[in-house]
């Protein structure tokens, strides 16, 4: 599996937006979280994030773009992943696991990694826990179908 990360700029905003909608639409349809779903975000929201000095977006490539990941630099060597996604037709191929390894190599000064996911999506929870993330205990109910669970990975 050949996988690479390409640091995205404003020129890639539309591509990220299109992939994000495709990746998150099944979850939007399932949970109807219209206020919080990345499938419901505008391209302007992605452009705003790309302009943030604390944000890096990467296109995930495996001969073709298969997803994207956004890294947010916080204080005290803490980094947040939000969002990360692989297009549905490229899921379950080990890409996400490899991307997290690549990101940890790039941001090798990180002490803490943070992310959140949908509690009801057991596959996501399993993946993050397998990668060394632990639940923080913080949860947020979005609606009667969906709860967000927060994770962190401490490297020291």
N, C-alpha and C. Protein backbone atom coordinates (compact mmCIF):
# COMPACT_ATOMS: atom_id res chain seq x y z
N UNK A 1 0.85 -1.18 0.00
CA UNK A 1 0.00 0.00 0.00
C UNK A 1 0.89 1.24 0.00
N UNK A 2 0.79 2.02 -1.04
CA UNK A 2 1.53 3.28 -1.12
C UNK A 2 0.58 4.38 -0.66
N UNK A 3 1.01 5.08 0.38
CA UNK A 3 0.18 6.14 0.93
C UNK A 3 1.05 7.36 1.14
N UNK A 4 0.54 8.52 0.77
CA UNK A 4 1.29 9.75 0.98
C UNK A 4 0.35 10.84 1.46
N UNK A 5 0.96 11.84 2.09
CA UNK A 5 0.22 13.01 2.56
C UNK A 5 0.70 14.21 1.77
N UNK A 6 -0.23 15.01 1.31
CA UNK A 6 0.06 16.22 0.56
C UNK A 6 -0.54 17.38 1.34
N UNK A 7 0.31 18.32 1.76
CA UNK A 7 -0.19 19.45 2.54
C UNK A 7 -1.08 20.33 1.65
N UNK A 8 -2.29 20.52 2.09
CA UNK A 8 -3.29 21.23 1.29
C UNK A 8 -3.21 22.73 1.51
N UNK A 9 -3.56 23.46 0.47
CA UNK A 9 -3.70 24.91 0.54
C UNK A 9 -5.09 25.30 0.09
N UNK A 10 -5.29 26.59 -0.10
CA UNK A 10 -6.61 27.08 -0.49
C UNK A 10 -7.09 26.47 -1.80
N UNK A 11 -6.17 26.13 -2.69
CA UNK A 11 -6.57 25.52 -3.97
C UNK A 11 -7.25 24.17 -3.79
N UNK A 12 -7.01 23.52 -2.66
CA UNK A 12 -7.58 22.19 -2.41
C UNK A 12 -8.88 22.25 -1.61
N UNK A 13 -9.35 23.43 -1.27
CA UNK A 13 -10.55 23.56 -0.42
C UNK A 13 -11.76 22.84 -1.03
N UNK A 14 -11.99 23.01 -2.31
CA UNK A 14 -13.15 22.37 -2.94
C UNK A 14 -13.02 20.85 -2.94
N UNK A 15 -11.81 20.36 -3.19
CA UNK A 15 -11.59 18.91 -3.18
C UNK A 15 -11.85 18.35 -1.79
N UNK A 16 -11.31 19.01 -0.77
CA UNK A 16 -11.54 18.56 0.61
C UNK A 16 -13.03 18.57 0.91
N UNK A 17 -13.70 19.65 0.52
CA UNK A 17 -15.14 19.78 0.77
C UNK A 17 -15.92 18.64 0.12
N UNK A 18 -15.64 18.36 -1.14
CA UNK A 18 -16.36 17.29 -1.85
C UNK A 18 -16.11 15.94 -1.19
N UNK A 19 -14.87 15.65 -0.84
CA UNK A 19 -14.56 14.36 -0.20
C UNK A 19 -15.21 14.27 1.18
N UNK A 20 -15.20 15.39 1.91
CA UNK A 20 -15.77 15.41 3.26
C UNK A 20 -17.26 15.12 3.21
N UNK A 21 -17.96 15.72 2.26
CA UNK A 21 -19.40 15.46 2.12
C UNK A 21 -19.63 13.98 1.82
N UNK A 22 -18.86 13.45 0.86
CA UNK A 22 -19.03 12.05 0.48
C UNK A 22 -18.74 11.12 1.65
N UNK A 23 -17.70 11.43 2.42
CA UNK A 23 -17.30 10.57 3.54
C UNK A 23 -18.29 10.62 4.70
N UNK A 24 -18.84 11.80 4.97
CA UNK A 24 -19.69 11.95 6.16
C UNK A 24 -21.19 11.86 5.88
N UNK A 25 -21.60 11.85 4.62
CA UNK A 25 -23.04 11.80 4.31
C UNK A 25 -23.73 10.56 4.88
N UNK A 26 -23.11 9.36 4.83
CA UNK A 26 -23.79 8.22 5.45
C UNK A 26 -24.05 8.42 6.94
N UNK A 27 -23.11 9.07 7.64
CA UNK A 27 -23.31 9.33 9.06
C UNK A 27 -24.37 10.40 9.29
N UNK A 28 -24.41 11.42 8.44
CA UNK A 28 -25.44 12.45 8.55
C UNK A 28 -26.82 11.81 8.35
N UNK A 29 -26.94 10.95 7.36
CA UNK A 29 -28.22 10.29 7.11
C UNK A 29 -28.61 9.39 8.28
N UNK A 30 -27.64 8.74 8.89
CA UNK A 30 -27.90 7.82 9.99
C UNK A 30 -28.28 8.55 11.28
N UNK A 31 -27.55 9.63 11.60
CA UNK A 31 -27.72 10.29 12.90
C UNK A 31 -28.47 11.62 12.83
N UNK A 32 -28.63 12.16 11.66
CA UNK A 32 -29.34 13.43 11.46
C UNK A 32 -28.84 14.54 12.38
N UNK A 33 -27.52 14.65 12.45
CA UNK A 33 -26.87 15.68 13.27
C UNK A 33 -26.54 16.88 12.38
N UNK A 34 -27.58 17.54 11.92
CA UNK A 34 -27.45 18.60 10.91
C UNK A 34 -26.61 19.78 11.40
N UNK A 35 -26.56 19.99 12.70
CA UNK A 35 -25.81 21.13 13.23
C UNK A 35 -24.31 20.84 13.31
N UNK A 36 -23.94 19.58 13.49
CA UNK A 36 -22.54 19.26 13.77
C UNK A 36 -21.84 18.46 12.68
N UNK A 37 -22.58 17.90 11.74
CA UNK A 37 -21.97 17.00 10.76
C UNK A 37 -21.05 17.72 9.78
N UNK A 38 -19.84 17.18 9.57
CA UNK A 38 -18.96 17.73 8.54
C UNK A 38 -19.59 17.66 7.14
N UNK A 39 -20.55 16.75 6.93
CA UNK A 39 -21.23 16.67 5.63
C UNK A 39 -22.08 17.90 5.36
N UNK A 40 -22.38 18.64 6.40
CA UNK A 40 -23.24 19.83 6.27
C UNK A 40 -22.43 21.13 6.25
N UNK A 41 -21.12 21.04 6.33
CA UNK A 41 -20.29 22.25 6.34
C UNK A 41 -20.16 22.85 4.95
N UNK A 42 -19.95 24.14 4.93
CA UNK A 42 -19.75 24.83 3.66
C UNK A 42 -18.27 24.81 3.27
N UNK A 43 -18.02 25.04 2.00
CA UNK A 43 -16.63 25.14 1.55
C UNK A 43 -15.97 26.35 2.21
N UNK A 44 -16.74 27.38 2.51
CA UNK A 44 -16.19 28.56 3.19
C UNK A 44 -15.63 28.21 4.56
N UNK A 45 -16.27 27.28 5.25
CA UNK A 45 -15.78 26.84 6.56
C UNK A 45 -14.41 26.18 6.42
N UNK A 46 -14.24 25.40 5.38
CA UNK A 46 -12.95 24.75 5.14
C UNK A 46 -11.91 25.80 4.76
N UNK A 47 -12.30 26.76 3.94
CA UNK A 47 -11.37 27.84 3.57
C UNK A 47 -10.94 28.60 4.82
N UNK A 48 -11.89 28.90 5.71
CA UNK A 48 -11.55 29.60 6.97
C UNK A 48 -10.53 28.79 7.77
N UNK A 49 -10.72 27.48 7.84
CA UNK A 49 -9.79 26.63 8.59
C UNK A 49 -8.42 26.60 7.93
N UNK A 50 -8.41 26.52 6.60
CA UNK A 50 -7.13 26.50 5.87
C UNK A 50 -6.33 27.79 6.13
N UNK A 51 -7.02 28.87 6.38
CA UNK A 51 -6.36 30.16 6.63
C UNK A 51 -5.85 30.28 8.07
N UNK A 52 -6.29 29.39 8.96
CA UNK A 52 -5.86 29.47 10.36
C UNK A 52 -4.38 29.12 10.47
N UNK A 53 -3.65 29.93 11.21
CA UNK A 53 -2.21 29.68 11.37
C UNK A 53 -1.92 28.41 12.16
N UNK A 54 -2.88 27.94 12.93
CA UNK A 54 -2.68 26.75 13.77
C UNK A 54 -3.16 25.46 13.10
N UNK A 55 -3.63 25.56 11.87
CA UNK A 55 -4.21 24.42 11.17
C UNK A 55 -3.35 23.98 10.00
N UNK A 56 -3.19 22.65 9.88
CA UNK A 56 -2.62 22.03 8.69
C UNK A 56 -3.62 21.00 8.19
N UNK A 57 -3.93 21.10 6.90
CA UNK A 57 -4.77 20.09 6.25
C UNK A 57 -3.87 19.27 5.33
N UNK A 58 -4.12 17.98 5.28
CA UNK A 58 -3.39 17.10 4.36
C UNK A 58 -4.40 16.30 3.54
N UNK A 59 -4.12 16.19 2.26
CA UNK A 59 -4.84 15.26 1.40
C UNK A 59 -4.15 13.91 1.56
N UNK A 60 -4.92 12.87 1.78
CA UNK A 60 -4.40 11.51 1.88
C UNK A 60 -4.49 10.89 0.49
N UNK A 61 -3.34 10.48 -0.04
CA UNK A 61 -3.28 9.93 -1.40
C UNK A 61 -2.83 8.48 -1.40
N UNK A 62 -3.47 7.70 -2.25
CA UNK A 62 -3.02 6.35 -2.57
C UNK A 62 -3.23 6.21 -4.08
N UNK A 63 -2.35 6.81 -4.84
CA UNK A 63 -2.49 6.99 -6.29
C UNK A 63 -3.58 8.00 -6.64
N UNK A 64 -4.65 8.02 -5.90
CA UNK A 64 -5.72 9.01 -6.03
C UNK A 64 -6.03 9.54 -4.62
N UNK A 65 -6.64 10.71 -4.51
CA UNK A 65 -7.04 11.19 -3.19
C UNK A 65 -8.07 10.25 -2.56
N UNK A 66 -7.81 9.82 -1.33
CA UNK A 66 -8.70 8.89 -0.65
C UNK A 66 -9.30 9.48 0.62
N UNK A 67 -8.87 10.70 0.99
CA UNK A 67 -9.39 11.31 2.21
C UNK A 67 -8.57 12.52 2.58
N UNK A 68 -8.77 12.98 3.81
CA UNK A 68 -8.04 14.14 4.31
C UNK A 68 -7.98 14.07 5.83
N UNK A 69 -7.04 14.84 6.36
CA UNK A 69 -6.89 14.95 7.81
C UNK A 69 -6.49 16.39 8.13
N UNK A 70 -7.08 16.91 9.19
CA UNK A 70 -6.75 18.27 9.66
C UNK A 70 -6.10 18.14 11.03
N UNK A 71 -4.97 18.82 11.19
CA UNK A 71 -4.25 18.86 12.44
C UNK A 71 -4.31 20.29 12.98
N UNK A 72 -4.68 20.42 14.24
CA UNK A 72 -4.74 21.73 14.89
C UNK A 72 -3.71 21.75 16.00
N UNK A 73 -2.79 22.71 15.92
CA UNK A 73 -1.78 22.89 16.97
C UNK A 73 -2.40 23.66 18.12
N UNK A 74 -2.30 23.11 19.31
CA UNK A 74 -2.80 23.77 20.51
C UNK A 74 -1.59 24.11 21.39
N UNK A 75 -1.84 24.50 22.62
CA UNK A 75 -0.75 24.84 23.53
C UNK A 75 -0.12 23.59 24.13
N UNK A 76 1.09 23.74 24.65
CA UNK A 76 1.77 22.70 25.42
C UNK A 76 1.95 21.40 24.64
N UNK A 77 2.38 21.51 23.38
CA UNK A 77 2.64 20.34 22.53
C UNK A 77 1.44 19.41 22.42
N UNK A 78 0.26 20.01 22.41
CA UNK A 78 -0.98 19.27 22.23
C UNK A 78 -1.49 19.52 20.81
N UNK A 79 -1.90 18.45 20.16
CA UNK A 79 -2.41 18.53 18.79
C UNK A 79 -3.77 17.84 18.74
N UNK A 80 -4.64 18.38 17.89
CA UNK A 80 -5.99 17.84 17.74
C UNK A 80 -6.21 17.41 16.30
N UNK A 81 -6.80 16.24 16.13
CA UNK A 81 -7.20 15.75 14.82
C UNK A 81 -8.69 16.04 14.67
N UNK A 82 -9.04 16.86 13.67
CA UNK A 82 -10.46 17.20 13.48
C UNK A 82 -10.66 17.94 12.18
N UNK A 83 -11.22 17.31 11.20
CA UNK A 83 -11.62 15.91 11.11
C UNK A 83 -10.55 15.07 10.45
N UNK A 84 -10.79 13.78 10.44
CA UNK A 84 -10.04 12.84 9.60
C UNK A 84 -11.10 11.98 8.91
N UNK A 85 -10.89 11.70 7.63
CA UNK A 85 -11.85 10.86 6.94
C UNK A 85 -11.21 10.18 5.74
N UNK A 86 -11.72 8.99 5.47
CA UNK A 86 -11.35 8.21 4.30
C UNK A 86 -12.65 8.00 3.51
N UNK A 87 -12.58 8.18 2.21
CA UNK A 87 -13.77 7.99 1.37
C UNK A 87 -14.30 6.56 1.55
N UNK A 88 -15.63 6.40 1.51
CA UNK A 88 -16.22 5.08 1.78
C UNK A 88 -15.62 3.94 0.95
N UNK A 89 -15.34 4.19 -0.33
CA UNK A 89 -14.83 3.11 -1.18
C UNK A 89 -13.38 2.74 -0.86
N UNK A 90 -12.71 3.52 -0.02
CA UNK A 90 -11.33 3.24 0.35
C UNK A 90 -11.18 2.87 1.82
N UNK A 91 -12.29 2.74 2.54
CA UNK A 91 -12.24 2.38 3.95
C UNK A 91 -11.91 0.90 4.12
N UNK A 92 -11.46 0.55 5.31
CA UNK A 92 -11.13 -0.82 5.69
C UNK A 92 -9.95 -1.38 4.90
N UNK A 93 -9.02 -0.50 4.54
CA UNK A 93 -7.81 -0.92 3.84
C UNK A 93 -6.56 -0.61 4.65
N UNK A 94 -6.74 -0.13 5.88
CA UNK A 94 -5.60 0.19 6.73
C UNK A 94 -5.05 1.59 6.54
N UNK A 95 -5.73 2.41 5.73
CA UNK A 95 -5.24 3.76 5.46
C UNK A 95 -5.21 4.62 6.72
N UNK A 96 -6.28 4.58 7.50
CA UNK A 96 -6.36 5.45 8.68
C UNK A 96 -5.22 5.15 9.65
N UNK A 97 -4.98 3.88 9.90
CA UNK A 97 -3.90 3.49 10.81
C UNK A 97 -2.56 4.04 10.32
N UNK A 98 -2.30 3.91 9.03
CA UNK A 98 -1.05 4.38 8.45
C UNK A 98 -0.96 5.91 8.53
N UNK A 99 -2.07 6.60 8.26
CA UNK A 99 -2.08 8.07 8.31
C UNK A 99 -1.73 8.56 9.71
N UNK A 100 -2.28 7.93 10.74
CA UNK A 100 -1.97 8.36 12.11
C UNK A 100 -0.49 8.18 12.40
N UNK A 101 0.09 7.10 11.92
CA UNK A 101 1.53 6.88 12.10
C UNK A 101 2.34 7.97 11.39
N UNK A 102 1.94 8.31 10.18
CA UNK A 102 2.63 9.34 9.41
C UNK A 102 2.53 10.70 10.10
N UNK A 103 1.35 11.01 10.60
CA UNK A 103 1.12 12.30 11.26
C UNK A 103 1.96 12.39 12.54
N UNK A 104 2.02 11.29 13.30
CA UNK A 104 2.83 11.31 14.52
C UNK A 104 4.31 11.51 14.19
N UNK A 105 4.76 11.00 13.04
CA UNK A 105 6.15 11.23 12.62
C UNK A 105 6.37 12.70 12.25
N UNK A 106 5.41 13.28 11.55
CA UNK A 106 5.53 14.69 11.13
C UNK A 106 5.54 15.61 12.35
N UNK A 107 4.62 15.37 13.28
CA UNK A 107 4.48 16.21 14.48
C UNK A 107 5.13 15.49 15.66
N UNK A 108 6.44 15.25 15.53
CA UNK A 108 7.13 14.44 16.52
C UNK A 108 7.39 15.17 17.84
N UNK A 109 6.99 16.44 17.92
CA UNK A 109 7.10 17.18 19.18
C UNK A 109 5.81 17.07 20.01
N UNK A 110 4.83 16.33 19.49
CA UNK A 110 3.56 16.20 20.20
C UNK A 110 3.73 15.41 21.49
N UNK A 111 3.07 15.89 22.53
CA UNK A 111 3.03 15.18 23.80
C UNK A 111 1.64 14.58 23.99
N UNK A 112 0.62 15.30 23.51
CA UNK A 112 -0.77 14.84 23.63
C UNK A 112 -1.46 15.01 22.28
N UNK A 113 -2.19 13.98 21.89
CA UNK A 113 -3.07 14.03 20.71
C UNK A 113 -4.51 13.94 21.20
N UNK A 114 -5.38 14.74 20.61
CA UNK A 114 -6.80 14.73 20.97
C UNK A 114 -7.64 14.48 19.72
N UNK A 115 -8.78 13.83 19.92
CA UNK A 115 -9.77 13.69 18.86
C UNK A 115 -11.09 13.30 19.50
N UNK A 116 -12.13 13.33 18.70
CA UNK A 116 -13.42 12.84 19.17
C UNK A 116 -14.09 12.09 18.04
N UNK A 117 -15.06 11.25 18.40
CA UNK A 117 -15.78 10.48 17.41
C UNK A 117 -17.17 10.16 17.94
N UNK A 118 -17.94 9.50 17.12
CA UNK A 118 -19.30 9.13 17.50
C UNK A 118 -19.24 7.83 18.31
N UNK A 119 -19.73 7.88 19.53
CA UNK A 119 -19.71 6.73 20.43
C UNK A 119 -20.37 5.51 19.79
N UNK A 120 -21.44 5.74 19.06
CA UNK A 120 -22.20 4.64 18.47
C UNK A 120 -21.46 3.98 17.29
N UNK A 121 -20.42 4.63 16.77
CA UNK A 121 -19.63 4.06 15.68
C UNK A 121 -18.49 3.24 16.28
N UNK A 122 -18.80 2.00 16.63
CA UNK A 122 -17.86 1.16 17.36
C UNK A 122 -16.58 0.90 16.58
N UNK A 123 -16.67 0.85 15.27
CA UNK A 123 -15.47 0.66 14.45
C UNK A 123 -14.48 1.79 14.63
N UNK A 124 -14.97 3.02 14.67
CA UNK A 124 -14.10 4.17 14.90
C UNK A 124 -13.48 4.10 16.29
N UNK A 125 -14.30 3.83 17.29
CA UNK A 125 -13.80 3.75 18.66
C UNK A 125 -12.73 2.67 18.77
N UNK A 126 -12.98 1.53 18.15
CA UNK A 126 -12.02 0.43 18.17
C UNK A 126 -10.70 0.85 17.53
N UNK A 127 -10.77 1.50 16.37
CA UNK A 127 -9.57 1.95 15.68
C UNK A 127 -8.75 2.87 16.58
N UNK A 128 -9.38 3.90 17.13
CA UNK A 128 -8.64 4.87 17.94
C UNK A 128 -8.04 4.23 19.18
N UNK A 129 -8.79 3.33 19.80
CA UNK A 129 -8.27 2.65 20.99
C UNK A 129 -7.09 1.74 20.61
N UNK A 130 -7.17 1.10 19.46
CA UNK A 130 -6.07 0.26 18.97
C UNK A 130 -4.83 1.10 18.70
N UNK A 131 -5.03 2.36 18.33
CA UNK A 131 -3.91 3.28 18.06
C UNK A 131 -3.35 3.92 19.33
N UNK A 132 -3.92 3.57 20.49
CA UNK A 132 -3.39 4.07 21.76
C UNK A 132 -4.17 5.22 22.37
N UNK A 133 -5.29 5.60 21.75
CA UNK A 133 -6.12 6.66 22.32
C UNK A 133 -6.98 6.10 23.44
N UNK A 134 -7.18 6.93 24.47
CA UNK A 134 -8.01 6.52 25.61
C UNK A 134 -9.12 7.54 25.79
N UNK A 135 -10.29 7.03 26.18
CA UNK A 135 -11.42 7.92 26.45
C UNK A 135 -11.07 8.85 27.61
N UNK A 136 -11.42 10.12 27.46
CA UNK A 136 -11.13 11.09 28.52
C UNK A 136 -12.21 11.09 29.59
N UNK A 137 -13.35 10.51 29.28
CA UNK A 137 -14.50 10.57 30.20
C UNK A 137 -15.49 11.64 29.78
N UNK A 138 -15.06 12.53 28.90
CA UNK A 138 -15.96 13.57 28.43
C UNK A 138 -16.81 13.02 27.28
N UNK A 139 -18.11 13.23 27.39
CA UNK A 139 -19.03 12.87 26.31
C UNK A 139 -20.01 14.02 26.11
N UNK A 140 -20.58 14.07 24.92
CA UNK A 140 -21.53 15.14 24.60
C UNK A 140 -22.65 14.54 23.77
N UNK A 141 -23.86 14.56 24.33
CA UNK A 141 -25.00 14.05 23.58
C UNK A 141 -25.43 15.07 22.55
N UNK A 142 -25.45 14.66 21.27
CA UNK A 142 -25.84 15.55 20.18
C UNK A 142 -27.35 15.45 19.96
N UNK A 143 -27.86 14.24 19.95
CA UNK A 143 -29.31 13.99 19.87
C UNK A 143 -29.56 12.59 20.43
N UNK A 144 -30.81 12.13 20.35
CA UNK A 144 -31.15 10.84 20.97
C UNK A 144 -30.46 9.66 20.28
N UNK A 145 -29.92 9.88 19.08
CA UNK A 145 -29.26 8.81 18.33
C UNK A 145 -27.75 8.84 18.47
N UNK A 146 -27.19 9.99 18.84
CA UNK A 146 -25.75 10.18 18.68
C UNK A 146 -25.11 10.87 19.87
N UNK A 147 -23.98 10.32 20.30
CA UNK A 147 -23.18 10.90 21.39
C UNK A 147 -21.74 11.00 20.90
N UNK A 148 -21.10 12.11 21.19
CA UNK A 148 -19.69 12.30 20.86
C UNK A 148 -18.87 11.88 22.07
N UNK A 149 -17.82 11.11 21.83
CA UNK A 149 -16.91 10.68 22.89
C UNK A 149 -15.53 11.25 22.57
N UNK A 150 -14.87 11.73 23.61
CA UNK A 150 -13.57 12.39 23.45
C UNK A 150 -12.44 11.45 23.86
N UNK A 151 -11.36 11.53 23.07
CA UNK A 151 -10.19 10.68 23.28
C UNK A 151 -8.93 11.53 23.36
N UNK A 152 -7.92 10.96 24.03
CA UNK A 152 -6.59 11.55 23.97
C UNK A 152 -5.55 10.43 24.01
N UNK A 153 -4.40 10.77 23.47
CA UNK A 153 -3.26 9.86 23.48
C UNK A 153 -2.08 10.64 24.02
N UNK A 154 -1.56 10.18 25.17
CA UNK A 154 -0.41 10.84 25.79
C UNK A 154 0.85 10.08 25.42
N UNK A 155 1.84 10.80 24.92
CA UNK A 155 3.06 10.16 24.45
C UNK A 155 4.17 10.19 25.49
N UNK A 156 3.96 10.91 26.57
CA UNK A 156 4.97 10.97 27.65
C UNK A 156 4.29 10.61 28.96
